[in-house]
Amino acid sequence: MEFKELKKFFEEHDNYLILTHKSPDGDTLGSGFALCGVLRDMGKKANVVNNENLPVRYNFLYDGYYVQEFEIETVVAVDIADEKLLGSRLAKYEGKIDLCIDHHISNTHYAKELVLDAKASAAALVLFEFFKSQGIAISDQQARCLYTGIATDTGCFKYENTTPKAHMAAAELMQYNINFSQINRKMFDIKSKQRLKVEEMMISEMEYYFDDRCSMICLTSQMMQESGAEPAEFDGLASIPLTVEGVVIGITIKQRHENVFKLSVRTTEEMDASTFCCKFGGGGHIRAAGCEIEGTLEEVKQKVIAAVGEALEESAR
């Protein structure tokens, strides 16, 4: 769907439910609340939902937001490559999504209509370019949401997916009253004492494989409970394993339920994280991807280690 068609879609529909993915990040939430605000400014009714309670660190994204009462007519997904990422609470909308706005090359084309730019650094960048190209005005709050989405998905503009378009969009958004330095500090610098303890625990538990080219951290439910940290303190930890010199693939294995583990994979230019996670039914970006694997922790680790070995052999060819 082209941007002109997307504008017509929004004009012709109403009563929007905007879905964001489980384990929410700045891009899915920033995109969701920015779109919600714009739709409300157009005179439409719209709400944003997520599978879980939103992390406190993102509360500035929904400043002034309130839930509207209406019968849902149009379901929109933002930054969601696969319906599996909706989570159990939103699983009832599988097969009922009217529109998806995304930037993941691994998108499974599950929605009736799709706006996809796999070259975009973030879903928020897709929305920014849509609003700009169609002459749709945005508020300071909506600009704040879009900037956060772009900044978080590019790792404060240091990841390989950062493009000139991302920088130019950020430059334009910085002209709004968004306090970008505060956003960046909140997203990338400030850590609670609990968070620092969690990171200390992770570093002490890190394992290395294949001549230290792979680093892996396993977080079991018991470890997380014994840490005394809030669940939100375990979000956004996936980049830690890749910070070790010489590591080309960093993996975080986090227990979600009994015999169900979430993998968060980060790679350097030597490996494709999305291709790796696709082997387990997941996906994402070239340098950042994820999936879920069932089994005991040891079974999951053995599967992952074997897959890493195969991936390293393939990358060496």
Foldseek 3Di string as FASTA:
>chain_A
DDLVVVVVVLVVDAQEEEAFFELGDLQRLLQRLLVQVLSVVVVGHYDYDAQDDDDPLCVLLQVVPDHDDDDHDAYEYEADQDLVRRYPVPNVCQLPHAEYQHQFPNRPPRHVYYHYNVLALGSLLVVLVSCVVVVRDGALSSLLSSLRRLCVSCVNVPRPSRDPSSVVSNVVSVVHPNPVVVSCCSRPPDDDPLLVLVLVVQVVQWDADDVRQEIEGEAEPVNVVVSVDDPNSPRPPQCVQVVDPNHFKYWYWYDDDQQKTKIKIFGDPLFAPQVLQVVQVWGGGRGIIMDMGGDHPVVVVVVSVVSVVVRNVVSVD
